[in-house]
Amino acid sequence: MEAIDRSQCWLEMTIDGTIVTANRNLLSLMGYTMTELAGRHHRMLCSPEDRASQDYVDLWGNLRAGRFVQREYRRRTKGGGDVHLQATYNPIFDQHGSVVKIVKWATDVTVMRQAEQTESARAQQFRQEAETRRKAHEDTLSKLAEIVDDIGAVTRQTSMLALNASIEAARAGERGKSFAVVANEVKMLSGRIKDATSTAANVLTYGQQSIRL
């Protein structure tokens, strides 16, 4: 019992919630002296939201009915901070089976809960950053798609010009030889642009598929 007293917090109350006594661990954790707690209702250790909640009403209803309650609770210190307690509320019975008092045993799990909240916040931040990067990647790919389409249109126009130039060069005969050389260069350039456009389109398709995975 002495070892448990040194490692845990405990609080003794009447069945209506009036605090009778508490050990040093609880007093130290909550920031009160025994003089400040004795004779006061347990609700002073709760935030306004918690003590006004149905959950708090149910807690005391269960205890007065003799039902053991165990779970994690948030409680409010004298300084206004929150602590998280893994608590057990034990109804104590007399020889007639009537509940005569309530003893609460609790372990401070605030550090563990804060660590979980910090990790959760980090995970949320990571998800938001990943989503931001994904959207930026999508925007980039969308712009690239527009560029590929524009280049494709230019390629088709260039090919048509090269074809027309070749036809005109053939019609011009000997006089169109120099024109034919230019037409051939334009045709070769059009082919290279087409190949580059095809490569860019393949890269674009891969990028779009990778976003969906």
Protein backbone atom coordinates (compact mmCIF):
# COMPACT_ATOMS: atom_id res chain seq x y z
CA MET A 1 0.00 0.00 0.00
CA GLU A 2 2.83 2.38 0.88
CA ALA A 3 4.58 1.66 -2.44
CA ILE A 4 1.36 2.36 -4.35
CA ASP A 5 0.90 5.58 -2.41
CA ARG A 6 4.36 6.74 -3.48
CA SER A 7 3.80 5.98 -7.17
CA GLN A 8 0.14 6.94 -7.66
CA CYS A 9 -2.28 9.72 -6.86
CA TRP A 10 -5.29 9.03 -4.72
CA LEU A 11 -8.27 11.01 -3.49
CA GLU A 12 -10.98 10.13 -0.98
CA MET A 13 -14.45 11.66 -1.33
CA THR A 14 -17.92 11.38 0.13
CA ILE A 15 -20.67 9.95 -2.07
CA ASP A 16 -21.77 13.47 -3.06
CA GLY A 17 -18.27 14.30 -4.35
CA THR A 18 -16.94 16.30 -1.40
CA ILE A 19 -13.17 15.87 -1.04
CA VAL A 20 -12.06 14.40 2.30
CA THR A 21 -8.35 13.80 1.82
CA ALA A 22 -5.68 13.21 -0.83
CA ASN A 23 -2.09 12.07 -0.96
CA ARG A 24 0.94 14.24 -1.71
CA ASN A 25 1.23 13.03 -5.29
CA LEU A 26 -2.22 14.27 -6.18
CA LEU A 27 -1.74 17.56 -4.34
CA SER A 28 1.57 18.14 -6.11
CA LEU A 29 0.15 17.25 -9.52
CA MET A 30 -2.92 19.45 -9.17
CA GLY A 31 -1.09 22.32 -7.45
CA TYR A 32 -3.29 22.50 -4.34
CA THR A 33 -2.73 22.13 -0.62
CA MET A 34 -4.93 19.81 1.42
CA THR A 35 -6.43 22.84 3.12
CA GLU A 36 -7.54 24.20 -0.25
CA LEU A 37 -9.16 20.91 -1.30
CA ALA A 38 -10.73 19.60 1.90
CA GLY A 39 -14.47 20.18 2.00
CA ARG A 40 -14.62 21.27 -1.64
CA HIS A 41 -16.43 19.36 -4.37
CA HIS A 42 -14.49 17.23 -6.82
CA ARG A 43 -15.76 19.42 -9.68
CA MET A 44 -13.18 22.06 -8.76
CA LEU A 45 -10.62 19.72 -10.34
CA CYS A 46 -12.49 19.79 -13.67
CA SER A 47 -12.69 22.31 -16.47
CA PRO A 48 -16.02 24.17 -16.86
CA GLU A 49 -16.79 22.11 -19.99
CA ASP A 50 -16.09 18.79 -18.30
CA ARG A 51 -18.09 19.43 -15.14
CA ALA A 52 -21.06 20.61 -17.23
CA SER A 53 -20.95 17.50 -19.41
CA GLN A 54 -23.31 14.53 -19.32
CA ASP A 55 -20.24 12.34 -18.93
CA TYR A 56 -19.50 13.95 -15.56
CA VAL A 57 -23.12 13.54 -14.43
CA ASP A 58 -22.99 9.87 -15.45
CA LEU A 59 -19.73 9.35 -13.55
CA TRP A 60 -21.28 10.31 -10.24
CA GLY A 61 -24.51 8.51 -11.02
CA ASN A 62 -22.56 5.28 -11.53
CA LEU A 63 -20.47 5.78 -8.39
CA ARG A 64 -23.47 6.44 -6.16
CA ALA A 65 -25.06 3.32 -7.63
CA GLY A 66 -22.00 1.34 -6.52
CA ARG A 67 -20.52 0.87 -9.98
CA PHE A 68 -16.75 0.84 -10.40
CA VAL A 69 -15.48 3.27 -13.08
CA GLN A 70 -12.14 3.10 -14.86
CA ARG A 71 -10.98 5.22 -17.79
CA GLU A 72 -8.85 8.19 -18.77
CA TYR A 73 -9.98 11.64 -17.68
CA ARG A 74 -8.84 15.18 -18.30
CA ARG A 75 -8.57 17.29 -15.16
CA ARG A 76 -7.77 20.97 -14.51
CA THR A 77 -4.93 22.08 -12.21
CA LYS A 78 -4.97 25.10 -9.93
CA GLY A 79 -2.80 26.93 -12.46
CA GLY A 80 -5.35 26.34 -15.22
CA GLY A 81 -3.43 23.64 -17.07
CA ASP A 82 -4.81 20.28 -18.11
CA VAL A 83 -3.54 16.91 -16.92
CA HIS A 84 -4.59 13.49 -18.18
CA LEU A 85 -5.21 10.79 -15.59
CA GLN A 86 -5.75 7.09 -16.03
CA ALA A 87 -8.16 6.87 -13.12
CA THR A 88 -10.08 4.27 -11.18
CA TYR A 89 -13.05 5.39 -9.08
CA ASN A 90 -13.88 2.81 -6.43
CA PRO A 91 -17.14 2.88 -4.43
CA ILE A 92 -16.49 1.71 -0.85
CA PHE A 93 -19.34 -0.18 0.85
CA ASP A 94 -20.29 -0.61 4.51
CA GLN A 95 -21.37 -3.90 6.07
CA HIS A 96 -24.91 -3.33 4.80
CA GLY A 97 -23.83 -2.94 1.17
CA SER A 98 -24.37 0.80 1.05
CA VAL A 99 -21.84 3.09 -0.64
CA VAL A 100 -20.21 5.21 2.05
CA LYS A 101 -17.34 6.86 0.19
CA ILE A 102 -15.44 7.00 -3.09
CA VAL A 103 -11.71 6.42 -3.45
CA LYS A 104 -10.01 7.47 -6.65
CA TRP A 105 -6.65 6.03 -7.74
CA ALA A 106 -4.94 7.69 -10.68
CA THR A 107 -1.78 7.63 -12.75
CA ASP A 108 -0.57 10.74 -14.54
CA VAL A 109 -0.41 9.98 -18.29
CA THR A 110 -0.14 13.60 -19.42
CA VAL A 111 3.32 13.23 -20.96
CA MET A 112 2.22 10.19 -22.95
CA ARG A 113 -0.94 11.92 -24.15
CA GLN A 114 0.97 15.08 -25.13
CA ALA A 115 3.48 12.96 -27.05
CA GLU A 116 0.61 11.30 -28.93
CA GLN A 117 -0.95 14.67 -29.69
CA THR A 118 2.39 16.03 -30.90
CA GLU A 119 2.91 13.01 -33.12
CA SER A 120 -0.63 13.33 -34.44
CA ALA A 121 -0.04 17.02 -35.21
CA ARG A 122 3.18 16.15 -37.03
CA ALA A 123 1.43 13.47 -39.05
CA GLN A 124 -1.31 15.93 -39.97
CA GLN A 125 1.29 18.51 -41.00
CA PHE A 126 3.07 15.89 -43.11
CA ARG A 127 -0.19 14.97 -44.83
CA GLN A 128 -0.95 18.63 -45.54
CA GLU A 129 2.54 19.23 -46.94
CA ALA A 130 2.29 16.08 -49.07
CA GLU A 131 -1.08 17.24 -50.40
CA THR A 132 0.37 20.68 -51.18
CA ARG A 133 3.25 19.08 -53.07
CA ARG A 134 0.85 16.77 -54.91
CA LYS A 135 -1.30 19.71 -56.03
CA ALA A 136 1.79 21.65 -57.11
CA HIS A 137 2.93 18.59 -59.07
CA GLU A 138 -0.49 18.32 -60.69
CA ASP A 139 -0.40 22.00 -61.65
CA THR A 140 3.07 21.57 -63.18
CA LEU A 141 1.95 18.52 -65.15
CA SER A 142 -1.15 20.37 -66.31
CA LYS A 143 0.98 23.22 -67.63
CA LEU A 144 3.35 20.72 -69.24
CA ALA A 145 0.39 19.05 -70.93
CA GLU A 146 -0.61 22.40 -72.42
CA ILE A 147 2.94 22.95 -73.66
CA VAL A 148 3.05 19.46 -75.20
CA ASP A 149 -0.26 20.15 -76.96
CA ASP A 150 1.04 23.47 -78.28
CA ILE A 151 4.26 21.87 -79.52
CA GLY A 152 2.23 19.13 -81.16
CA ALA A 153 0.18 21.73 -83.00
CA VAL A 154 3.34 23.51 -84.14
CA THR A 155 4.79 20.18 -85.29
CA ARG A 156 1.74 19.44 -87.40
CA GLN A 157 1.84 22.90 -88.94
CA THR A 158 5.57 22.56 -89.64
CA SER A 159 5.03 19.18 -91.27
CA MET A 160 2.34 20.66 -93.47
CA LEU A 161 4.61 23.55 -94.46
CA ALA A 162 7.44 21.12 -95.26
CA LEU A 163 5.10 19.05 -97.42
CA ASN A 164 3.84 22.11 -99.28
CA ALA A 165 7.41 23.33 -99.74
CA SER A 166 8.45 19.97 -101.20
CA ILE A 167 5.56 20.06 -103.64
CA GLU A 168 6.40 23.59 -104.72
CA ALA A 169 10.08 22.68 -105.08
CA ALA A 170 9.18 19.74 -107.32
CA ARG A 171 7.02 21.97 -109.46
CA ALA A 172 9.78 24.54 -109.78
CA GLY A 173 12.21 21.95 -111.12
CA GLU A 174 15.83 23.14 -111.35
CA ARG A 175 14.94 26.55 -109.97
CA GLY A 176 13.45 24.99 -106.85
CA LYS A 177 16.52 23.02 -105.74
CA SER A 178 17.54 25.49 -103.04
CA PHE A 179 13.92 25.67 -101.94
CA ALA A 180 13.90 21.86 -101.75
CA VAL A 181 16.94 21.89 -99.45
CA VAL A 182 15.16 24.27 -97.09
CA ALA A 183 12.00 22.16 -97.28
CA ASN A 184 13.99 19.05 -96.39
CA GLU A 185 15.60 20.80 -93.41
CA VAL A 186 12.17 21.91 -92.22
CA LYS A 187 10.93 18.34 -92.60
CA MET A 188 13.84 16.96 -90.56
CA LEU A 189 13.27 19.61 -87.89
CA SER A 190 9.60 18.69 -87.78
CA GLY A 191 10.57 15.05 -87.24
CA ARG A 192 12.85 15.90 -84.35
CA ILE A 193 10.16 18.07 -82.76
CA LYS A 194 7.69 15.21 -83.16
CA ASP A 195 10.08 12.78 -81.43
CA ALA A 196 10.71 15.25 -78.60
CA THR A 197 6.97 15.83 -78.21
CA SER A 198 6.37 12.07 -78.04
CA THR A 199 9.02 11.72 -75.32
CA ALA A 200 7.53 14.62 -73.35
CA ALA A 201 4.06 13.09 -73.68
CA ASN A 202 5.34 9.77 -72.31
CA VAL A 203 6.97 11.54 -69.36
CA LEU A 204 3.74 13.45 -68.75
CA THR A 205 1.68 10.25 -68.78
CA TYR A 206 4.06 8.61 -66.30
CA GLY A 207 3.88 11.64 -64.01
CA GLN A 208 0.09 11.66 -64.09
CA GLN A 209 -0.05 7.94 -63.30
CA SER A 210 2.39 8.34 -60.39
CA ILE A 211 0.13 10.98 -58.81
CA ARG A 212 -2.85 8.61 -58.89
CA LEU A 213 -0.93 5.78 -57.19
